[in-house]
Amino acid sequence: MTGLGRRALLRGAGGLGLSLLTAPALAACGSADATLVESGRVGVSLWTHDPGYIKTFETAVKNPALMRGSHFDYRIRATSSAPSDVVTRMIAQAVADGNTPDLAGIVIDQFPRVMGSSIAENLFVDLTETVRPSGDDLLKLAPYVVDGIPYGLDSDNSITVLYYRQDLFDKYRVPEDIETWEELAAIGERLFSRHRISLGMVATGDNGSIVNGFLQLLLQRGGGLFDATGELVLDSPEAVEVLEFMSHGVRTGVLLALPDPYGSACAAALKSGRLAATAMPNWYNAYGLQANVPDQKGRWRMRTLPRFAGGGHLASTLGGTAFTVLKGKPHTDAALELLRRVYLSREGQILRYRSGGFLPTLKPLYRDPELLGVKDAFLDGQQVFDVYGRAAADLPLFYQAPGMQILSDVLGGPVLDALKGRTSAAAAIKAGLDAYRQQVKR
């Protein structure tokens, strides 16, 4: 691509978002031929939104046991940006034949932006052979597969559990071993009517938070938004059932409607004890509970989710960040080896948990004696991998498609209408599907 043509493309892309940054542009404007570095000192360029990932990789390259036998002497050159900016800048730099990263951490809800128009194929290393030795032991690969090819490895299994205030459960005689959501809801209705205490929450703020809360329970129930081929599967009895459950929970006070799970309203509900339980992923322990109510250390516990009486899974998942390796760069082989060591080895996965609390994505680690002995001080010394292990054994698969962000944008409003009682669950699902199909046609 000539300099004039590249500049024209970038000007067009600036006015039209990323719609012009498609496969031909990426193929034509990719990195110039570069000499592959096969050994020695390498400065691996890492782009991510989370300092925790930077710390993990910096810790890993200084770990002699983890790096033993490597031909590379690694240094990490990190750049931190907002999740959407990581993807936008990476694609723009690729088109401009500019400075793309060697390793890019892509948040799960941003990954659909690279799933269409062969963008992932043109930018990232095919990880098929890299993950083959792990076989079925590797969890949470599905969200980052495009046309049957994996392009990213997730940093955290993001297992959803039920956090609950043990002191409040004891005080109000709420059983800790409730089997189903339906049983929990029946108890929760009485608890709210008498004491104004809720046993869960739903988000009513931005579309992303609204849809994520719905999706978390939908996956547990056995439903989904897309299947492995990218086909839409939202039109299902499970979707209607889950949204009806959530809507009924809001009406009866079992579920507390909050703008989001992290802001001041949620913090106030946690501090006052109005919110005595919540279904959230493992990372909510640090980012939600400890961040908002550190003084409640020792009062919280966790357990696997109650099941839905109609079927589904013991667990669910929400969130994640996949690391991808950019292809055709001098440090591509070095970056791929680093990713393999940190993400696909026992030592690397344990280091990641110790460094940033990231749950393993390899099944055998949930039976590893070192992790089984871990006790969480905030959760009153609970051995958390007893819970995580049971949940990881029955974790639903989550598939994405290029239209994922469109679906999230158009589904948020109808789901909110159902939660607020302005429409039925079935009508909300239909409205979201109709809006999505209209957007896709355009």
Protein backbone atom coordinates (compact mmCIF):
# COMPACT_ATOMS: atom_id res chain seq x y z
CA MET A 1 0.00 0.00 0.00
CA THR A 2 1.39 3.39 -0.95
CA GLY A 3 1.82 6.14 1.62
CA LEU A 4 -0.91 8.17 -0.08
CA GLY A 5 -3.29 5.22 -0.10
CA ARG A 6 -2.61 4.46 3.54
CA ARG A 7 -3.25 8.03 4.61
CA ALA A 8 -6.50 8.11 2.65
CA LEU A 9 -7.62 4.89 4.30
CA LEU A 10 -6.81 6.20 7.76
CA ARG A 11 -8.65 9.45 7.09
CA GLY A 12 -11.67 7.42 6.03
CA ALA A 13 -11.38 5.20 9.05
CA GLY A 14 -11.27 8.25 11.28
CA GLY A 15 -14.64 9.32 9.96
CA LEU A 16 -16.24 5.89 9.82
CA GLY A 17 -14.90 4.21 12.92
CA LEU A 18 -13.23 0.90 12.05
CA SER A 19 -15.55 -0.10 9.24
CA LEU A 20 -12.81 0.36 6.63
CA LEU A 21 -10.17 -1.52 8.55
CA THR A 22 -10.93 -4.88 7.00
CA ALA A 23 -8.92 -7.82 5.74
CA PRO A 24 -7.60 -6.28 2.48
CA ALA A 25 -6.37 -3.20 4.32
CA LEU A 26 -4.68 -5.24 7.02
CA ALA A 27 -3.13 -7.65 4.56
CA ALA A 28 -1.82 -4.84 2.39
CA CYS A 29 -0.59 -2.64 5.22
CA GLY A 30 0.82 -5.22 7.59
CA SER A 31 4.24 -4.99 9.16
CA ALA A 32 7.13 -4.85 6.80
CA ASP A 33 9.35 -7.91 6.49
CA ALA A 34 11.29 -8.23 9.72
CA THR A 35 14.13 -10.41 10.87
CA LEU A 36 12.83 -12.89 13.40
CA VAL A 37 14.65 -12.77 16.74
CA GLU A 38 15.42 -16.34 17.81
CA SER A 39 17.36 -15.82 21.03
CA GLY A 40 18.95 -13.29 23.35
CA ARG A 41 17.58 -10.22 25.03
CA VAL A 42 14.12 -9.20 23.82
CA GLY A 43 11.87 -6.36 24.85
CA VAL A 44 8.35 -7.75 24.43
CA SER A 45 5.79 -5.02 23.84
CA LEU A 46 2.65 -5.63 25.94
CA TRP A 47 -0.61 -3.67 25.60
CA THR A 48 -3.33 -4.12 28.20
CA HIS A 49 -5.88 -2.21 30.26
CA ASP A 50 -5.07 -3.81 33.62
CA PRO A 51 -1.91 -3.19 35.71
CA GLY A 52 -2.45 -6.65 37.18
CA TYR A 53 -1.50 -8.27 33.89
CA ILE A 54 1.58 -6.08 33.58
CA LYS A 55 2.65 -7.10 37.07
CA THR A 56 2.07 -10.76 36.25
CA PHE A 57 4.23 -10.76 33.13
CA GLU A 58 6.94 -8.69 34.80
CA THR A 59 6.98 -11.14 37.69
CA ALA A 60 7.02 -14.13 35.34
CA VAL A 61 10.06 -13.08 33.30
CA LYS A 62 12.06 -12.70 36.54
CA ASN A 63 11.12 -16.18 37.77
CA PRO A 64 14.08 -18.52 37.14
CA ALA A 65 12.04 -21.70 37.45
CA LEU A 66 9.42 -20.54 34.96
CA MET A 67 11.99 -19.23 32.45
CA ARG A 68 14.38 -22.19 32.76
CA GLY A 69 15.58 -23.40 29.37
CA SER A 70 14.38 -20.37 27.40
CA HIS A 71 16.62 -18.96 24.67
CA PHE A 72 15.25 -15.49 25.44
CA ASP A 73 16.15 -12.95 28.11
CA TYR A 74 12.84 -11.11 28.46
CA ARG A 75 12.06 -7.50 29.29
CA ILE A 76 8.47 -6.25 29.34
CA ARG A 77 7.67 -2.94 27.64
CA ALA A 78 4.13 -2.26 28.82
CA THR A 79 1.53 0.21 27.58
CA SER A 80 -1.73 0.68 29.47
CA SER A 81 -4.89 1.86 27.68
CA ALA A 82 -8.64 1.61 28.03
CA PRO A 83 -10.00 -1.76 26.78
CA SER A 84 -11.56 -0.28 23.64
CA ASP A 85 -8.44 1.76 22.89
CA VAL A 86 -6.23 -1.32 22.89
CA VAL A 87 -8.18 -2.75 19.96
CA THR A 88 -8.67 0.54 18.13
CA ARG A 89 -5.00 1.52 18.29
CA MET A 90 -3.80 -1.97 17.44
CA ILE A 91 -5.86 -2.15 14.24
CA ALA A 92 -5.05 1.42 13.24
CA GLN A 93 -1.33 0.81 13.74
CA ALA A 94 -1.52 -2.38 11.71
CA VAL A 95 -3.15 -0.55 8.82
CA ALA A 96 -0.57 2.23 9.09
CA ASP A 97 2.28 -0.29 9.17
CA GLY A 98 3.10 1.15 12.55
CA ASN A 99 4.09 -0.01 15.99
CA THR A 100 1.76 -2.85 16.99
CA PRO A 101 2.32 -4.75 20.25
CA ASP A 102 3.84 -8.21 20.48
CA LEU A 103 1.25 -9.27 23.08
CA ALA A 104 -2.21 -7.67 23.29
CA GLY A 105 -4.66 -8.21 26.14
CA ILE A 106 -8.17 -7.96 24.70
CA VAL A 107 -11.12 -7.75 27.08
CA ILE A 108 -13.75 -10.35 26.25
CA ASP A 109 -16.43 -7.85 25.19
CA GLN A 110 -13.96 -6.17 22.80
CA PHE A 111 -12.88 -9.39 21.08
CA PRO A 112 -15.92 -9.50 18.74
CA ARG A 113 -14.46 -6.42 17.01
CA VAL A 114 -11.71 -8.62 15.54
CA MET A 115 -13.91 -11.64 14.76
CA GLY A 116 -15.24 -10.37 11.43
CA SER A 117 -13.64 -9.48 8.07
CA SER A 118 -10.68 -11.81 8.73
CA ILE A 119 -9.15 -9.26 11.13
CA ALA A 120 -8.06 -11.89 13.68
CA GLU A 121 -6.63 -14.05 10.91
CA ASN A 122 -4.54 -11.17 9.59
CA LEU A 123 -3.37 -9.86 12.95
CA PHE A 124 -2.89 -12.80 15.31
CA VAL A 125 -0.95 -16.03 15.53
CA ASP A 126 -3.07 -19.16 15.11
CA LEU A 127 -2.82 -20.91 18.50
CA THR A 128 -4.10 -24.31 17.35
CA GLU A 129 -0.77 -26.09 17.78
CA THR A 130 0.05 -24.12 20.91
CA VAL A 131 -3.04 -25.36 22.75
CA ARG A 132 -3.13 -28.87 21.28
CA PRO A 133 -1.05 -30.49 24.07
CA SER A 134 -3.56 -29.20 26.67
CA GLY A 135 -6.50 -30.88 24.92
CA ASP A 136 -9.75 -30.77 26.85
CA ASP A 137 -7.94 -29.63 29.98
CA LEU A 138 -7.87 -26.04 28.70
CA LEU A 139 -10.95 -24.08 29.76
CA LYS A 140 -12.48 -20.86 28.41
CA LEU A 141 -11.03 -21.02 24.92
CA ALA A 142 -14.40 -20.82 23.14
CA PRO A 143 -14.94 -17.01 23.30
CA TYR A 144 -11.75 -16.43 21.30
CA VAL A 145 -12.25 -18.95 18.50
CA VAL A 146 -12.89 -17.60 15.00
CA ASP A 147 -13.85 -20.02 12.21
CA GLY A 148 -12.59 -22.90 14.32
CA ILE A 149 -9.21 -21.30 15.09
CA PRO A 150 -8.23 -20.10 18.60
CA TYR A 151 -6.47 -16.74 18.70
CA GLY A 152 -6.39 -15.87 22.41
CA LEU A 153 -5.82 -17.43 25.84
CA ASP A 154 -7.96 -16.15 28.69
CA SER A 155 -6.29 -14.81 31.81
CA ASP A 156 -8.95 -15.93 34.29
CA ASN A 157 -11.63 -18.59 34.41
CA SER A 158 -13.96 -15.92 35.89
CA ILE A 159 -16.08 -18.46 37.76
CA THR A 160 -19.33 -17.07 39.13
CA VAL A 161 -20.10 -18.06 42.72
CA LEU A 162 -22.61 -16.93 45.33
CA TYR A 163 -21.07 -14.55 47.86
CA TYR A 164 -23.12 -14.21 51.02
CA ARG A 165 -22.96 -12.57 54.44
CA GLN A 166 -22.74 -15.52 56.80
CA ASP A 167 -23.60 -13.40 59.83
CA LEU A 168 -26.82 -12.16 58.20
CA PHE A 169 -27.72 -15.64 56.97
CA ASP A 170 -27.30 -16.89 60.55
CA LYS A 171 -29.27 -14.00 62.03
CA TYR A 172 -32.25 -14.40 59.70
CA ARG A 173 -31.99 -18.19 59.43
CA VAL A 174 -31.29 -18.34 55.72
CA PRO A 175 -29.86 -21.81 54.93
CA GLU A 176 -26.39 -21.74 53.39
CA ASP A 177 -27.00 -24.92 51.38
CA ILE A 178 -30.12 -23.91 49.41
CA GLU A 179 -30.31 -26.17 46.35
CA THR A 180 -32.13 -24.07 43.75
CA TRP A 181 -32.68 -20.47 42.72
CA GLU A 182 -36.38 -21.02 43.09
CA GLU A 183 -35.97 -22.03 46.76
CA LEU A 184 -33.70 -19.05 47.36
CA ALA A 185 -36.28 -16.73 45.80
CA ALA A 186 -39.06 -18.07 48.06
CA ILE A 187 -36.94 -17.45 51.15
CA GLY A 188 -35.78 -14.12 49.77
CA GLU A 189 -39.34 -12.84 49.32
CA ARG A 190 -40.07 -13.37 53.00
CA LEU A 191 -36.74 -11.86 54.01
CA PHE A 192 -37.36 -8.72 51.97
CA SER A 193 -40.97 -8.28 53.11
CA ARG A 194 -39.92 -8.48 56.78
CA HIS A 195 -36.46 -6.90 56.82
CA ARG A 196 -35.90 -5.18 53.44
CA ILE A 197 -32.85 -7.35 52.72
CA SER A 198 -32.13 -8.69 49.22
CA LEU A 199 -30.23 -11.83 48.21
CA GLY A 200 -28.95 -10.66 44.83
CA MET A 201 -28.75 -7.75 42.45
CA VAL A 202 -29.45 -6.80 38.86
CA ALA A 203 -27.87 -3.93 36.92
CA THR A 204 -30.11 -1.24 35.47
CA GLY A 205 -27.51 1.24 34.20
CA ASP A 206 -25.64 0.88 30.89
CA ASN A 207 -26.49 -1.74 28.27
CA GLY A 208 -23.31 -3.71 28.91
CA SER A 209 -23.99 -4.18 32.62
CA ILE A 210 -27.66 -5.00 32.01
CA VAL A 211 -26.92 -7.67 29.40
CA ASN A 212 -23.99 -9.12 31.37
CA GLY A 213 -26.20 -9.74 34.39
CA PHE A 214 -28.78 -11.47 32.20
CA LEU A 215 -26.12 -13.44 30.30
CA GLN A 216 -24.51 -14.71 33.49
CA LEU A 217 -27.71 -16.48 34.57
CA LEU A 218 -28.63 -17.45 30.99
CA LEU A 219 -25.36 -19.35 30.59
CA GLN A 220 -25.94 -21.14 33.87
CA ARG A 221 -29.43 -22.15 32.77
CA GLY A 222 -27.96 -23.74 29.65
CA GLY A 223 -28.77 -20.98 27.17
CA GLY A 224 -26.62 -18.49 25.31
CA LEU A 225 -26.53 -15.68 22.80
CA PHE A 226 -24.62 -17.42 19.98
CA ASP A 227 -23.57 -21.01 19.29
CA ALA A 228 -20.18 -22.35 18.20
CA THR A 229 -20.89 -21.49 14.57
CA GLY A 230 -21.83 -17.89 15.34
CA GLU A 231 -25.54 -18.44 14.86
CA LEU A 232 -27.93 -16.54 17.14
CA VAL A 233 -29.55 -18.81 19.76
CA LEU A 234 -31.09 -16.21 22.07
CA ASP A 235 -34.62 -17.11 20.94
CA SER A 236 -35.07 -19.89 23.49
CA PRO A 237 -37.29 -20.95 26.40
CA GLU A 238 -34.26 -20.66 28.69
CA ALA A 239 -33.84 -16.97 27.85
CA VAL A 240 -37.48 -16.22 28.65
CA GLU A 241 -37.33 -18.25 31.86
CA VAL A 242 -34.21 -16.47 33.12
CA LEU A 243 -35.58 -13.01 32.36
CA GLU A 244 -38.88 -13.89 34.04
CA PHE A 245 -36.95 -15.06 37.10
CA MET A 246 -34.97 -11.81 37.21
CA SER A 247 -38.05 -9.63 36.69
CA HIS A 248 -39.97 -11.44 39.42
CA GLY A 249 -36.97 -11.10 41.69
CA VAL A 250 -36.90 -7.33 41.23
CA ARG A 251 -40.65 -7.00 41.81
CA THR A 252 -40.51 -9.00 45.05
CA GLY A 253 -37.28 -7.48 46.38
CA VAL A 254 -35.29 -10.72 46.18
CA LEU A 255 -33.02 -8.98 43.66
CA LEU A 256 -31.97 -5.40 44.28
CA ALA A 257 -31.97 -3.15 41.20
CA LEU A 258 -28.75 -1.10 41.10
CA PRO A 259 -27.11 1.00 38.37
CA ASP A 260 -24.05 -1.28 38.38
CA PRO A 261 -22.29 -3.78 40.68
CA TYR A 262 -19.40 -1.43 41.53
CA GLY A 263 -20.64 2.13 42.12
CA SER A 264 -21.76 4.12 45.13
CA ALA A 265 -25.29 2.69 45.23
CA CYS A 266 -23.96 -0.85 45.42
CA ALA A 267 -21.38 0.16 48.02
CA ALA A 268 -24.15 1.70 50.16
CA ALA A 269 -26.27 -1.47 49.87
CA LEU A 270 -23.33 -3.64 50.91
CA LYS A 271 -22.37 -1.38 53.82
CA SER A 272 -25.91 -1.18 55.17
CA GLY A 273 -26.52 -4.92 54.90
CA ARG A 274 -29.42 -4.44 52.48
CA LEU A 275 -27.55 -6.67 50.05
CA ALA A 276 -26.73 -9.89 51.87
CA ALA A 277 -25.73 -12.03 48.87
CA THR A 278 -24.79 -11.67 45.23
CA ALA A 279 -23.88 -13.93 42.32
CA MET A 280 -20.65 -12.60 40.83
CA PRO A 281 -17.35 -13.98 39.47
CA ASN A 282 -14.27 -14.68 41.57
CA TRP A 283 -12.75 -11.28 40.76
CA TYR A 284 -15.65 -9.52 42.50
CA ASN A 285 -14.12 -10.53 45.81
CA ALA A 286 -11.33 -7.97 45.29
CA TYR A 287 -12.98 -5.40 43.00
CA GLY A 288 -16.45 -5.38 44.59
CA LEU A 289 -16.41 -6.62 48.16
CA GLN A 290 -12.95 -5.79 49.45
CA ALA A 291 -12.94 -2.48 47.58
CA ASN A 292 -16.28 -1.37 49.03
CA VAL A 293 -16.59 -3.07 52.42
CA PRO A 294 -13.11 -3.94 53.71
CA ASP A 295 -14.44 -3.65 57.27
CA GLN A 296 -16.70 -6.66 56.62
CA LYS A 297 -13.69 -8.98 56.41
CA GLY A 298 -14.56 -12.34 57.93
CA ARG A 299 -18.32 -11.92 57.51
CA TRP A 300 -18.51 -13.01 53.88
CA ARG A 301 -18.37 -16.56 52.55
CA MET A 302 -18.87 -18.12 49.13
CA ARG A 303 -20.47 -21.25 47.70
CA THR A 304 -21.39 -22.65 44.31
CA LEU A 305 -24.47 -21.14 42.70
CA PRO A 306 -27.90 -22.61 43.40
CA ARG A 307 -29.08 -24.57 40.37
CA PHE A 308 -32.13 -23.76 38.29
CA ALA A 309 -34.83 -26.36 38.89
CA GLY A 310 -35.28 -26.74 35.12
CA GLY A 311 -31.67 -27.70 34.48
CA GLY A 312 -28.42 -26.17 33.38
CA HIS A 313 -25.06 -25.90 35.11
CA LEU A 314 -23.69 -25.57 38.62
CA ALA A 315 -21.62 -22.56 37.61
CA SER A 316 -21.47 -19.62 35.26
CA THR A 317 -18.87 -17.14 34.05
CA LEU A 318 -18.61 -13.42 33.41
CA GLY A 319 -15.73 -11.35 32.10
CA GLY A 320 -12.22 -12.19 31.02
CA THR A 321 -9.23 -10.92 29.05
CA ALA A 322 -7.52 -12.91 26.32
CA PHE A 323 -3.90 -12.43 25.35
CA THR A 324 -3.09 -12.67 21.67
CA VAL A 325 0.26 -12.77 19.86
CA LEU A 326 0.71 -10.44 16.89
CA LYS A 327 2.03 -12.26 13.84
CA GLY A 328 4.89 -11.34 11.49
CA LYS A 329 6.92 -9.35 14.02
CA PRO A 330 10.58 -9.74 15.06
CA HIS A 331 9.51 -10.86 18.55
CA THR A 332 6.56 -13.05 17.55
CA ASP A 333 8.28 -16.32 18.50
CA ALA A 334 9.50 -14.85 21.78
CA ALA A 335 6.04 -13.54 22.65
CA LEU A 336 4.44 -16.89 21.79
CA GLU A 337 6.89 -18.76 24.01
CA LEU A 338 6.28 -16.32 26.87
CA LEU A 339 2.52 -16.73 26.55
CA ARG A 340 2.86 -20.51 26.52
CA ARG A 341 5.04 -20.52 29.64
CA VAL A 342 2.86 -18.13 31.65
CA TYR A 343 -0.57 -19.39 30.50
CA LEU A 344 -0.18 -23.09 29.68
CA SER A 345 2.12 -24.45 32.37
CA ARG A 346 1.38 -25.42 35.96
CA GLU A 347 4.05 -23.05 37.25
CA GLY A 348 2.74 -20.17 35.13
CA GLN A 349 -0.86 -20.65 36.16
CA ILE A 350 0.01 -20.81 39.85
CA LEU A 351 2.19 -17.71 39.47
CA ARG A 352 -0.71 -15.89 37.84
CA TYR A 353 -3.02 -16.80 40.72
CA ARG A 354 -0.44 -15.79 43.34
CA SER A 355 0.38 -12.56 41.50
CA GLY A 356 -3.07 -11.30 40.55
CA GLY A 357 -5.71 -13.74 41.79
CA PHE A 358 -6.38 -15.04 38.26
CA LEU A 359 -8.10 -18.43 38.40
CA PRO A 360 -6.45 -21.26 36.46
CA THR A 361 -7.76 -22.19 33.04
CA LEU A 362 -6.30 -25.70 33.20
CA LYS A 363 -8.60 -28.29 34.82
CA PRO A 364 -5.90 -30.25 36.71
CA LEU A 365 -4.96 -27.14 38.68
CA TYR A 366 -8.27 -27.32 40.55
CA ARG A 367 -6.99 -30.55 42.13
CA ASP A 368 -3.48 -29.25 42.77
CA PRO A 369 -2.51 -29.55 46.47
CA GLU A 370 -0.85 -26.13 46.48
CA LEU A 371 -4.07 -24.41 45.42
CA LEU A 372 -6.39 -26.63 47.45
CA GLY A 373 -4.59 -25.35 50.52
CA VAL A 374 -5.23 -21.67 49.71
CA LYS A 375 -7.27 -19.86 52.37
CA ASP A 376 -8.97 -16.52 51.75
CA ALA A 377 -8.62 -14.17 54.71
CA PHE A 378 -11.48 -11.91 53.62
CA LEU A 379 -13.77 -14.95 53.45
CA ASP A 380 -12.97 -15.97 57.02
CA GLY A 381 -10.15 -18.30 56.00
CA GLN A 382 -12.32 -20.34 53.64
CA GLN A 383 -10.51 -22.82 51.38
CA VAL A 384 -11.85 -21.36 48.18
CA PHE A 385 -10.63 -24.00 45.72
CA ASP A 386 -13.05 -26.48 47.29
CA VAL A 387 -15.77 -24.27 45.77
CA TYR A 388 -13.92 -23.33 42.58
CA GLY A 389 -13.11 -26.95 41.85
CA ARG A 390 -16.75 -28.06 41.95
CA ALA A 391 -17.76 -25.09 39.82
CA ALA A 392 -15.00 -25.54 37.23
CA ALA A 393 -16.14 -29.13 36.66
CA ASP A 394 -19.52 -27.87 35.40
CA LEU A 395 -18.77 -24.58 33.69
CA PRO A 396 -20.85 -23.58 30.63
CA LEU A 397 -19.22 -22.75 27.31
CA PHE A 398 -19.59 -19.17 26.12
CA TYR A 399 -19.51 -18.42 22.41
CA GLN A 400 -19.19 -15.04 20.73
CA ALA A 401 -19.75 -13.73 17.21
CA PRO A 402 -18.90 -10.54 15.29
CA GLY A 403 -22.36 -9.14 16.11
CA MET A 404 -21.94 -9.52 19.87
CA GLN A 405 -21.58 -5.79 20.58
CA ILE A 406 -24.58 -4.94 18.38
CA LEU A 407 -26.69 -7.49 20.24
CA SER A 408 -25.61 -6.10 23.60
CA ASP A 409 -26.50 -2.55 22.52
CA VAL A 410 -29.99 -3.41 21.26
CA LEU A 411 -30.86 -5.99 23.94
CA GLY A 412 -30.11 -3.80 26.96
CA GLY A 413 -33.19 -1.60 26.59
CA PRO A 414 -35.75 -4.43 26.25
CA VAL A 415 -34.19 -6.36 29.16
CA LEU A 416 -34.40 -3.21 31.30
CA ASP A 417 -38.06 -2.77 30.31
CA ALA A 418 -38.76 -6.31 31.51
CA LEU A 419 -36.89 -5.77 34.78
CA LYS A 420 -38.91 -2.63 35.44
CA GLY A 421 -42.19 -4.36 34.62
CA ARG A 422 -42.90 -2.35 31.48
CA THR A 423 -43.05 -5.43 29.24
CA SER A 424 -43.03 -9.22 29.50
CA ALA A 425 -39.89 -11.31 29.31
CA ALA A 426 -41.00 -12.95 26.06
CA ALA A 427 -41.78 -9.57 24.47
CA ALA A 428 -38.41 -8.19 25.59
CA ILE A 429 -36.48 -11.07 24.02
CA LYS A 430 -38.45 -10.68 20.79
CA ALA A 431 -37.84 -6.92 20.70
CA GLY A 432 -34.11 -7.44 21.16
CA LEU A 433 -33.99 -10.06 18.42
CA ASP A 434 -35.96 -7.90 16.00
CA ALA A 435 -33.72 -4.90 16.63
CA TYR A 436 -30.59 -6.99 16.18
CA ARG A 437 -31.75 -8.42 12.87
CA GLN A 438 -32.58 -4.94 11.60
CA GLN A 439 -29.11 -3.67 12.59
CA VAL A 440 -27.35 -6.64 10.99
CA LYS A 441 -29.24 -6.13 7.72
CA ARG A 442 -27.82 -2.63 7.53
